[in-house]
Amino acid sequence: MKKFTLLSLIILMLSCSEKKKSTFDVLQDENFNYQEYKPSGDEIIISRAEYFNKLKGFWLAQCIANWTGLVTENDKIGNIGEYKTGDFYTREDWGKKDKLNLRGNKVDQYIDFVFEGKDGKWGADDDTDIEYMYQHLVYTNQISKLTGQQIRDGWLKHIKHEEQNYLWVSNQRALDLMISGIVPPETSDPEKNPDFDMIDAQLTTEVFGFYSPGRPDFAVEMAELPIQTTARFNAEWISKFYVSMYSLAAIADPNLSNKENLLIIAEKSRDQLRNDSYASKMYDFVKKQYNEGLPWETIRDNIYVRYQVEEKDGYDITSRNLRCNGCFAAGINFAASLVSLFAGEGDLKETIKLGSLMGWDSDNPTATWGGLIGFMIGKDGVEKAFDKTFSEEYNIHRTRQNFPNGVDNFSNMANIGVYITDRVIQDELGGGIDLNKNIWYIPKLN
């Protein structure tokens, strides 16, 4: 039997300790060349280990919010023309059975949180699966900004073409155009895609904000072509608003509450909305009413009257006589999302509740804010909020195809997010990664 001296035992213990640290604590991409970086002392400093937990929180909370919001999707869209769904839900409807939606379908369950247990698998849906696809494309192409051809190739490979493919409105139009040979951003050209102002880009591109922490300038640049794959004008600007919020959430002030941070982040991100747009006017209208202390139901009802009944601020969806009166439109769902953002006041459970009761395309804005707050509190915080332990498994092949892992997991998905962020920080922002301290140095925006 081999004998160890005291010195050799100490060396062995240190070696095992370092091996454990590099294996479990320090995420390192074998396909990326990490370069030495000398900090200037004026950078944003972020823990990569904490960011890993935050990204897991994002994927988990987004799934919870997505599936909870699906219970009420399109149950309530107003009473204009042939589209009459009765009075909107109020807080009193939480816990009660949902109503028929616009297609006459009814999810036979109660309006309540939808969970997968420890042994379950979260199903992919259009609120999460295209973000998953974009993350995969950015990472496997070893690039920060996808080209139009890379986007087209990815869509054609990973999205089914004819059978049920879980695409709607502008996403489906874009896919049809890609199949015919069109390359983004032409796939959102209003002359080719009449659904360019629907909600699609809002639910497929927010994740780009996380890849550029505290630097919404590059986050928006990185997301621009994926956004323009399906959106133009107001729908595009609204999507950039969400991307900006996700980026700024990475540098939320730890001395402030989630509510305070979200109000600051939203106000800064308003810069993404052109002042002459209906999107900016919607933001100002909702924010003003929230500041006046009106109940969220009253603000939501006022939005419906102002924008769908009276068509104020240039929002003309009703006059266009669209299917379900534009229930999938970017504008009305953006306004509704702001109500749940402000009135939810940074509380994950309350924000998901309000988003689910808000009306229209209720799963999409709910998933957006659930994912954002989940990121801010991390996976541990999400589980603490619900007092539950959740499964990490994610079934991407429920809705998409041809990925290496048909059933992936949040830890692996968060790993990939960290690796993409490594590349952005070093190659695009001129920052650095300290693998020993497991931190990022991110140059501040001048």
Protein backbone atom coordinates (compact mmCIF):
# COMPACT_ATOMS: atom_id res chain seq x y z
CA MET A 1 0.00 0.00 0.00
CA LYS A 2 1.35 3.39 -0.93
CA LYS A 3 2.34 5.56 2.03
CA PHE A 4 1.80 9.32 2.13
CA THR A 5 3.87 11.86 4.01
CA LEU A 6 2.08 14.77 5.67
CA LEU A 7 3.32 17.08 2.89
CA SER A 8 2.08 14.76 0.13
CA LEU A 9 -1.32 14.49 1.80
CA ILE A 10 -1.60 18.27 1.93
CA ILE A 11 -0.64 18.53 -1.74
CA LEU A 12 -3.17 15.82 -2.65
CA MET A 13 -5.94 17.57 -0.69
CA LEU A 14 -5.16 20.89 -2.36
CA SER A 15 -5.13 19.22 -5.76
CA CYS A 16 -8.53 17.62 -5.13
CA SER A 17 -9.85 20.93 -3.87
CA GLU A 18 -8.72 22.74 -7.01
CA LYS A 19 -10.13 19.98 -9.21
CA LYS A 20 -13.47 20.20 -7.41
CA LYS A 21 -13.45 23.99 -7.79
CA SER A 22 -12.76 23.87 -11.51
CA THR A 23 -15.34 21.13 -12.08
CA PHE A 24 -18.22 22.43 -10.02
CA ASP A 25 -17.67 26.11 -9.35
CA VAL A 26 -15.97 27.55 -12.41
CA LEU A 27 -17.77 27.28 -15.73
CA GLN A 28 -15.27 27.18 -18.56
CA ASP A 29 -16.13 26.80 -22.22
CA GLU A 30 -13.68 24.43 -23.90
CA ASN A 31 -14.50 25.99 -27.27
CA PHE A 32 -13.54 29.52 -26.26
CA ASN A 33 -10.12 31.14 -25.93
CA TYR A 34 -10.09 33.03 -22.64
CA GLN A 35 -7.66 35.93 -22.70
CA GLU A 36 -5.93 37.72 -19.86
CA TYR A 37 -7.59 40.92 -18.78
CA LYS A 38 -6.26 43.73 -16.65
CA PRO A 39 -9.09 45.55 -14.87
CA SER A 40 -9.12 49.34 -15.00
CA GLY A 41 -11.07 49.61 -11.76
CA ASP A 42 -14.09 51.20 -13.43
CA GLU A 43 -15.95 48.10 -14.64
CA ILE A 44 -19.17 46.43 -13.71
CA ILE A 45 -18.21 43.29 -11.77
CA ILE A 46 -20.59 40.31 -11.82
CA SER A 47 -20.22 36.84 -10.32
CA ARG A 48 -20.51 34.16 -12.98
CA ALA A 49 -21.62 31.61 -10.35
CA GLU A 50 -24.49 33.86 -9.26
CA TYR A 51 -25.38 34.53 -12.87
CA PHE A 52 -25.60 30.78 -13.49
CA ASN A 53 -28.18 30.50 -10.69
CA LYS A 54 -30.04 33.53 -12.04
CA LEU A 55 -30.30 32.02 -15.51
CA LYS A 56 -31.69 28.83 -14.01
CA GLY A 57 -34.24 30.99 -12.20
CA PHE A 58 -35.15 32.62 -15.51
CA TRP A 59 -35.88 29.35 -17.30
CA LEU A 60 -37.78 27.87 -14.35
CA ALA A 61 -39.95 30.91 -13.59
CA GLN A 62 -40.62 31.51 -17.28
CA CYS A 63 -41.95 27.96 -17.59
CA ILE A 64 -44.15 28.36 -14.50
CA ALA A 65 -45.52 31.66 -15.78
CA ASN A 66 -45.98 30.37 -19.34
CA TRP A 67 -48.02 27.32 -18.34
CA THR A 68 -50.01 29.26 -15.75
CA GLY A 69 -50.88 31.96 -18.30
CA LEU A 70 -51.95 29.38 -20.87
CA VAL A 71 -54.97 28.49 -18.73
CA THR A 72 -56.55 31.88 -19.49
CA GLU A 73 -55.07 32.59 -22.94
CA ASN A 74 -57.65 34.45 -25.07
CA ASP A 75 -60.45 33.82 -22.57
CA LYS A 76 -61.06 37.56 -22.38
CA ILE A 77 -60.50 39.91 -25.32
CA GLY A 78 -63.42 42.35 -25.05
CA ASN A 79 -66.83 42.79 -26.62
CA ILE A 80 -66.23 44.39 -30.00
CA GLY A 81 -68.08 43.13 -33.08
CA GLU A 82 -68.29 39.35 -33.27
CA TYR A 83 -65.63 38.89 -30.62
CA LYS A 84 -67.56 38.98 -27.37
CA THR A 85 -65.98 37.28 -24.38
CA GLY A 86 -67.78 39.05 -21.54
CA ASP A 87 -66.31 41.12 -18.74
CA PHE A 88 -62.60 40.77 -18.07
CA TYR A 89 -61.31 38.69 -15.20
CA THR A 90 -60.69 40.35 -11.83
CA ARG A 91 -58.70 39.27 -8.78
CA GLU A 92 -61.83 37.47 -7.56
CA ASP A 93 -61.50 34.97 -10.42
CA TRP A 94 -58.20 33.56 -9.19
CA GLY A 95 -58.84 30.00 -8.02
CA LYS A 96 -62.06 29.66 -10.01
CA LYS A 97 -62.59 27.69 -13.23
CA ASP A 98 -61.61 29.42 -16.43
CA LYS A 99 -64.11 30.45 -19.12
CA LEU A 100 -64.45 29.54 -22.77
CA ASN A 101 -61.77 31.19 -24.89
CA LEU A 102 -62.33 32.87 -28.25
CA ARG A 103 -62.18 29.55 -30.12
CA GLY A 104 -64.84 28.06 -27.87
CA ASN A 105 -62.24 25.89 -26.17
CA LYS A 106 -62.02 25.53 -22.44
CA VAL A 107 -59.12 24.30 -20.38
CA ASP A 108 -60.93 22.21 -17.78
CA GLN A 109 -58.95 23.41 -14.81
CA TYR A 110 -58.86 26.16 -12.27
CA ILE A 111 -57.12 29.51 -12.73
CA ASP A 112 -54.14 28.72 -10.58
CA PHE A 113 -50.41 28.11 -10.77
CA VAL A 114 -49.37 25.24 -13.04
CA PHE A 115 -46.35 23.25 -11.89
CA GLU A 116 -44.22 20.29 -12.83
CA GLY A 117 -43.04 18.34 -9.82
CA LYS A 118 -39.55 17.12 -9.02
CA ASP A 119 -39.88 14.16 -11.40
CA GLY A 120 -41.72 15.94 -14.22
CA LYS A 121 -40.59 17.55 -17.45
CA TRP A 122 -41.44 21.14 -18.37
CA GLY A 123 -42.97 21.21 -21.82
CA ALA A 124 -41.57 23.62 -24.38
CA ASP A 125 -44.00 26.23 -25.71
CA ASP A 126 -43.65 29.21 -28.03
CA ASP A 127 -42.75 31.46 -25.08
CA THR A 128 -39.57 29.48 -24.43
CA ASP A 129 -38.69 27.28 -27.38
CA ILE A 130 -37.56 29.88 -29.92
CA GLU A 131 -35.42 31.56 -27.25
CA TYR A 132 -33.92 28.12 -26.66
CA MET A 133 -33.32 27.81 -30.40
CA TYR A 134 -31.66 31.23 -30.64
CA GLN A 135 -29.40 30.40 -27.69
CA HIS A 136 -28.42 27.15 -29.41
CA LEU A 137 -27.72 28.94 -32.71
CA VAL A 138 -25.61 31.68 -31.13
CA TYR A 139 -23.56 29.18 -29.17
CA THR A 140 -23.02 26.56 -31.90
CA ASN A 141 -22.15 29.20 -34.49
CA GLN A 142 -19.63 30.69 -31.99
CA ILE A 143 -20.85 34.17 -32.82
CA SER A 144 -22.55 36.99 -30.95
CA LYS A 145 -24.71 38.38 -33.75
CA LEU A 146 -26.50 35.89 -35.95
CA THR A 147 -26.73 36.50 -39.68
CA GLY A 148 -29.99 36.30 -41.58
CA GLN A 149 -28.87 33.07 -43.24
CA GLN A 150 -27.97 31.50 -39.89
CA ILE A 151 -31.41 32.40 -38.56
CA ARG A 152 -33.12 30.97 -41.62
CA ASP A 153 -31.09 27.75 -41.48
CA GLY A 154 -31.92 27.38 -37.79
CA TRP A 155 -35.65 27.93 -38.28
CA LEU A 156 -35.81 25.45 -41.16
CA LYS A 157 -33.90 22.81 -39.21
CA HIS A 158 -35.56 23.10 -35.83
CA ILE A 159 -39.18 24.02 -36.67
CA LYS A 160 -41.59 21.59 -38.30
CA HIS A 161 -42.88 22.87 -41.62
CA GLU A 162 -46.35 21.44 -42.12
CA GLU A 163 -47.71 19.45 -39.17
CA GLN A 164 -48.51 21.09 -35.80
CA ASN A 165 -45.54 23.32 -35.20
CA TYR A 166 -46.75 25.64 -32.43
CA LEU A 167 -46.31 28.78 -34.51
CA TRP A 168 -48.87 31.51 -34.98
CA VAL A 169 -49.33 34.87 -36.74
CA SER A 170 -46.00 36.54 -37.60
CA ASN A 171 -43.85 33.55 -36.65
CA GLN A 172 -45.78 31.33 -39.04
CA ARG A 173 -45.66 33.97 -41.78
CA ALA A 174 -41.90 34.27 -41.33
CA LEU A 175 -41.42 30.51 -41.54
CA ASP A 176 -43.50 30.32 -44.72
CA LEU A 177 -41.36 33.07 -46.24
CA MET A 178 -38.15 31.27 -45.22
CA ILE A 179 -39.40 28.05 -46.83
CA SER A 180 -39.92 30.03 -50.04
CA GLY A 181 -36.32 31.27 -49.89
CA ILE A 182 -36.69 34.64 -48.11
CA VAL A 183 -33.97 35.54 -45.60
CA PRO A 184 -34.44 37.73 -42.48
CA PRO A 185 -34.97 40.65 -42.08
CA GLU A 186 -37.10 40.54 -45.23
CA THR A 187 -39.36 38.07 -43.39
CA SER A 188 -40.87 41.00 -41.47
CA ASP A 189 -41.17 43.34 -44.42
CA PRO A 190 -44.76 44.65 -44.14
CA GLU A 191 -45.26 44.09 -47.87
CA LYS A 192 -44.46 40.39 -47.41
CA ASN A 193 -45.62 39.83 -43.84
CA PRO A 194 -48.89 41.56 -42.89
CA ASP A 195 -48.48 40.30 -39.30
CA PHE A 196 -45.34 42.37 -38.69
CA ASP A 197 -47.02 44.21 -35.78
CA MET A 198 -48.10 41.13 -33.82
CA ILE A 199 -46.62 40.00 -30.51
CA ASP A 200 -44.23 37.31 -31.80
CA ALA A 201 -40.85 39.01 -31.39
CA GLN A 202 -41.66 40.02 -27.82
CA LEU A 203 -41.74 36.42 -26.65
CA THR A 204 -38.80 35.09 -28.65
CA THR A 205 -35.96 37.57 -28.13
CA GLU A 206 -35.90 38.86 -24.52
CA VAL A 207 -33.16 36.37 -23.63
CA PHE A 208 -30.60 38.35 -25.68
CA GLY A 209 -30.66 40.95 -22.91
CA PHE A 210 -29.05 38.50 -20.51
CA TYR A 211 -26.07 37.94 -22.81
CA SER A 212 -24.99 41.57 -22.45
CA PRO A 213 -25.29 42.27 -18.71
CA GLY A 214 -25.73 45.94 -17.88
CA ARG A 215 -25.09 46.92 -21.48
CA PRO A 216 -28.45 47.26 -23.22
CA ASP A 217 -26.76 49.07 -26.09
CA PHE A 218 -25.14 45.86 -27.32
CA ALA A 219 -27.99 43.64 -26.14
CA VAL A 220 -30.37 45.47 -28.47
CA GLU A 221 -27.81 45.35 -31.28
CA MET A 222 -27.42 41.61 -30.76
CA ALA A 223 -31.18 41.07 -30.77
CA GLU A 224 -32.02 43.39 -33.66
CA LEU A 225 -31.99 40.85 -36.50
CA PRO A 226 -33.83 38.13 -34.52
CA ILE A 227 -36.43 40.79 -33.67
CA GLN A 228 -36.67 41.90 -37.29
CA THR A 229 -37.22 38.31 -38.32
CA THR A 230 -40.87 38.84 -37.35
CA ALA A 231 -41.40 42.46 -36.24
CA ARG A 232 -41.22 46.05 -37.48
CA PHE A 233 -42.06 49.49 -36.10
CA ASN A 234 -43.96 49.43 -32.77
CA ALA A 235 -43.65 45.65 -32.38
CA GLU A 236 -39.91 45.97 -32.93
CA TRP A 237 -39.49 48.84 -30.46
CA ILE A 238 -41.54 47.04 -27.82
CA SER A 239 -39.32 43.98 -28.22
CA LYS A 240 -36.23 46.14 -27.75
CA PHE A 241 -37.83 47.52 -24.58
CA TYR A 242 -38.00 44.00 -23.18
CA VAL A 243 -34.42 43.19 -24.23
CA SER A 244 -33.22 46.35 -22.52
CA MET A 245 -35.05 45.44 -19.32
CA TYR A 246 -33.47 41.99 -19.28
CA SER A 247 -30.00 43.49 -19.75
CA LEU A 248 -30.42 46.08 -17.01
CA ALA A 249 -31.80 43.50 -14.58
CA ALA A 250 -28.29 42.08 -14.42
CA ILE A 251 -27.11 45.19 -12.57
CA ALA A 252 -30.12 45.74 -10.34
CA ASP A 253 -29.19 47.59 -7.15
CA PRO A 254 -28.99 45.02 -4.30
CA ASN A 255 -29.88 47.78 -1.83
CA LEU A 256 -33.27 48.35 -3.48
CA SER A 257 -36.36 46.16 -3.60
CA ASN A 258 -37.40 44.32 -6.75
CA LYS A 259 -40.24 46.81 -7.10
CA GLU A 260 -37.86 49.80 -6.99
CA ASN A 261 -35.39 48.18 -9.37
CA LEU A 262 -38.07 47.25 -11.90
CA LEU A 263 -39.46 50.79 -11.97
CA ILE A 264 -35.97 52.18 -12.59
CA ILE A 265 -35.20 49.59 -15.25
CA ALA A 266 -38.52 50.18 -17.02
CA GLU A 267 -38.01 53.94 -17.07
CA LYS A 268 -34.53 53.56 -18.57
CA SER A 269 -35.82 51.08 -21.14
CA ARG A 270 -38.55 53.46 -22.25
CA ASP A 271 -35.81 55.07 -24.35
CA GLN A 272 -36.26 52.15 -26.77
CA LEU A 273 -39.77 53.42 -27.60
CA ARG A 274 -39.96 56.27 -30.07
CA ASN A 275 -41.75 59.26 -28.58
CA ASP A 276 -44.19 59.47 -31.48
CA SER A 277 -45.14 55.79 -31.25
CA TYR A 278 -48.30 54.36 -29.75
CA ALA A 279 -46.02 52.12 -27.69
CA SER A 280 -44.48 55.06 -25.82
CA LYS A 281 -47.91 56.59 -25.27
CA MET A 282 -49.18 53.29 -23.90
CA TYR A 283 -46.25 53.20 -21.49
CA ASP A 284 -46.93 56.73 -20.27
CA PHE A 285 -50.68 56.08 -19.95
CA VAL A 286 -50.25 52.95 -17.85
CA LYS A 287 -47.47 54.39 -15.71
CA LYS A 288 -49.49 57.52 -14.95
CA GLN A 289 -52.53 55.53 -13.87
CA TYR A 290 -50.39 53.25 -11.71
CA ASN A 291 -48.80 56.28 -10.05
CA GLU A 292 -52.29 57.60 -9.33
CA GLY A 293 -53.01 54.46 -7.33
CA LEU A 294 -55.81 53.05 -9.48
CA PRO A 295 -56.65 49.35 -9.04
CA TRP A 296 -55.06 47.17 -11.70
CA GLU A 297 -58.47 46.06 -12.99
CA THR A 298 -59.42 49.71 -13.58
CA ILE A 299 -56.18 50.41 -15.46
CA ARG A 300 -56.70 47.32 -17.63
CA ASP A 301 -60.30 48.29 -18.40
CA ASN A 302 -59.17 51.83 -19.24
CA ILE A 303 -56.60 50.39 -21.65
CA TYR A 304 -59.32 48.41 -23.39
CA VAL A 305 -61.55 51.47 -23.80
CA ARG A 306 -58.74 53.81 -24.87
CA TYR A 307 -57.02 51.54 -27.38
CA GLN A 308 -59.56 49.01 -28.62
CA VAL A 309 -62.82 50.95 -28.34
CA GLU A 310 -61.64 54.52 -28.97
CA GLU A 311 -58.45 53.70 -30.93
CA LYS A 312 -56.43 56.52 -29.38
CA ASP A 313 -52.76 57.37 -29.98
CA GLY A 314 -52.75 55.88 -33.47
CA TYR A 315 -53.61 52.34 -32.38
CA ASP A 316 -55.98 51.27 -35.17
CA ILE A 317 -56.22 47.50 -34.72
CA THR A 318 -60.01 47.50 -34.29
CA SER A 319 -60.58 49.30 -37.59
CA ARG A 320 -58.54 46.65 -39.37
CA ASN A 321 -61.11 43.95 -38.53
CA LEU A 322 -58.46 41.37 -37.71
CA ARG A 323 -59.18 37.89 -36.40
CA CYS A 324 -60.07 38.07 -32.68
CA ASN A 325 -59.73 41.85 -32.96
CA GLY A 326 -55.94 41.66 -32.84
CA CYS A 327 -55.79 39.68 -29.60
CA PHE A 328 -52.22 38.69 -30.58
CA ALA A 329 -51.19 42.26 -31.43
CA ALA A 330 -48.00 43.74 -30.01
CA GLY A 331 -49.66 46.90 -28.72
CA ILE A 332 -52.57 45.77 -26.57
CA ASN A 333 -50.49 42.97 -25.03
CA PHE A 334 -47.66 45.41 -24.28
CA ALA A 335 -50.05 47.73 -22.47
CA ALA A 336 -51.51 44.80 -20.53
CA SER A 337 -48.03 43.55 -19.65
CA LEU A 338 -47.14 46.92 -18.14
CA VAL A 339 -50.12 46.69 -15.80
CA SER A 340 -48.92 43.37 -14.38
CA LEU A 341 -45.34 44.66 -14.23
CA PHE A 342 -46.19 47.78 -12.24
CA ALA A 343 -49.01 46.37 -10.11
CA GLY A 344 -47.12 43.13 -9.45
CA GLU A 345 -44.48 45.32 -7.76
CA GLY A 346 -41.65 42.84 -8.15
CA ASP A 347 -43.38 39.93 -6.42
CA LEU A 348 -43.07 36.82 -8.59
CA LYS A 349 -46.30 35.11 -7.57
CA GLU A 350 -48.38 38.29 -7.68
CA THR A 351 -47.02 39.29 -11.09
CA ILE A 352 -47.84 35.86 -12.54
CA LYS A 353 -51.33 36.03 -11.04
CA LEU A 354 -52.05 39.46 -12.50
CA GLY A 355 -50.58 38.59 -15.87
CA SER A 356 -52.78 35.51 -16.08
CA LEU A 357 -55.91 37.51 -15.25
CA MET A 358 -55.12 40.45 -17.53
CA GLY A 359 -56.76 39.17 -20.72
CA TRP A 360 -55.75 38.86 -24.39
CA ASP A 361 -52.65 36.71 -25.02
CA SER A 362 -52.16 36.21 -21.30
CA ASP A 363 -49.40 33.60 -21.35
CA ASN A 364 -46.87 35.68 -23.27
CA PRO A 365 -46.46 38.84 -21.15
CA THR A 366 -46.78 36.67 -18.04
CA ALA A 367 -43.89 34.48 -19.20
CA THR A 368 -41.80 37.58 -19.93
CA TRP A 369 -42.16 39.05 -16.45
CA GLY A 370 -42.01 35.66 -14.73
CA GLY A 371 -38.70 35.01 -16.46
CA LEU A 372 -37.33 38.45 -15.60
CA ILE A 373 -38.23 38.28 -11.91
CA GLY A 374 -37.09 34.65 -11.79
CA PHE A 375 -33.71 35.82 -13.04
CA MET A 376 -33.55 38.57 -10.43
CA ILE A 377 -34.18 36.18 -7.54
CA GLY A 378 -32.44 33.10 -8.96
CA LYS A 379 -33.59 29.49 -8.96
CA ASP A 380 -33.32 29.31 -5.19
CA GLY A 381 -35.53 32.38 -4.88
CA VAL A 382 -38.14 30.92 -7.24
CA GLU A 383 -38.36 27.72 -5.22
CA LYS A 384 -38.51 29.69 -2.00
CA ALA A 385 -41.35 31.85 -3.37
CA PHE A 386 -43.46 28.76 -4.08
CA ASP A 387 -42.08 26.67 -1.22
CA LYS A 388 -41.49 23.84 -3.69
CA THR A 389 -38.64 21.98 -5.35
CA PHE A 390 -39.10 21.78 -9.11
CA SER A 391 -37.82 19.60 -11.89
CA GLU A 392 -35.02 21.01 -14.04
CA GLU A 393 -35.86 18.94 -17.10
CA TYR A 394 -37.09 20.74 -20.20
CA ASN A 395 -38.63 18.90 -23.16
CA ILE A 396 -37.63 21.03 -26.15
CA HIS A 397 -38.78 18.33 -28.57
CA ARG A 398 -42.38 18.80 -27.46
CA THR A 399 -42.56 21.68 -29.94
CA ARG A 400 -39.24 21.79 -31.83
CA GLN A 401 -36.93 19.22 -33.40
CA ASN A 402 -33.37 18.16 -34.20
CA PHE A 403 -31.59 19.31 -31.06
CA PRO A 404 -28.80 17.22 -29.49
CA ASN A 405 -30.83 16.90 -26.29
CA GLY A 406 -34.53 16.33 -26.88
CA VAL A 407 -34.93 16.64 -23.13
CA ASP A 408 -32.49 19.23 -21.78
CA ASN A 409 -32.15 20.68 -18.29
CA PHE A 410 -31.97 24.18 -16.81
CA SER A 411 -28.41 23.71 -15.53
CA ASN A 412 -27.10 22.93 -19.00
CA MET A 413 -29.17 25.74 -20.50
CA ALA A 414 -27.74 28.17 -17.93
CA ASN A 415 -24.21 26.93 -18.67
CA ILE A 416 -24.68 27.78 -22.35
CA GLY A 417 -26.01 31.21 -21.39
CA VAL A 418 -22.89 31.89 -19.33
CA TYR A 419 -20.64 30.77 -22.19
CA ILE A 420 -22.39 33.08 -24.66
CA THR A 421 -22.01 35.92 -22.17
CA ASP A 422 -18.28 35.15 -21.89
CA ARG A 423 -17.91 35.71 -25.63
CA VAL A 424 -19.97 38.91 -25.63
CA ILE A 425 -18.07 40.42 -22.72
CA GLN A 426 -14.61 39.60 -24.05
CA ASP A 427 -15.03 39.92 -27.82
CA GLU A 428 -17.76 42.55 -28.13
CA LEU A 429 -17.64 44.72 -25.01
CA GLY A 430 -13.87 44.68 -24.47
CA GLY A 431 -14.18 43.26 -20.98
CA GLY A 432 -12.69 40.23 -19.33
CA ILE A 433 -13.28 36.99 -17.47
CA ASP A 434 -11.34 36.03 -14.33
CA LEU A 435 -11.76 32.26 -14.08
CA ASN A 436 -9.95 32.10 -10.74
CA LYS A 437 -12.34 34.53 -9.09
CA ASN A 438 -15.17 33.40 -11.40
CA ILE A 439 -16.20 36.96 -12.21
CA TRP A 440 -16.80 39.18 -15.21
CA TYR A 441 -15.38 42.66 -15.75
CA ILE A 442 -17.72 44.64 -17.99
CA PRO A 443 -16.76 48.11 -19.23
CA LYS A 444 -19.45 50.64 -18.41
CA LEU A 445 -21.33 52.44 -21.17
CA ASN A 446 -20.01 55.99 -21.50
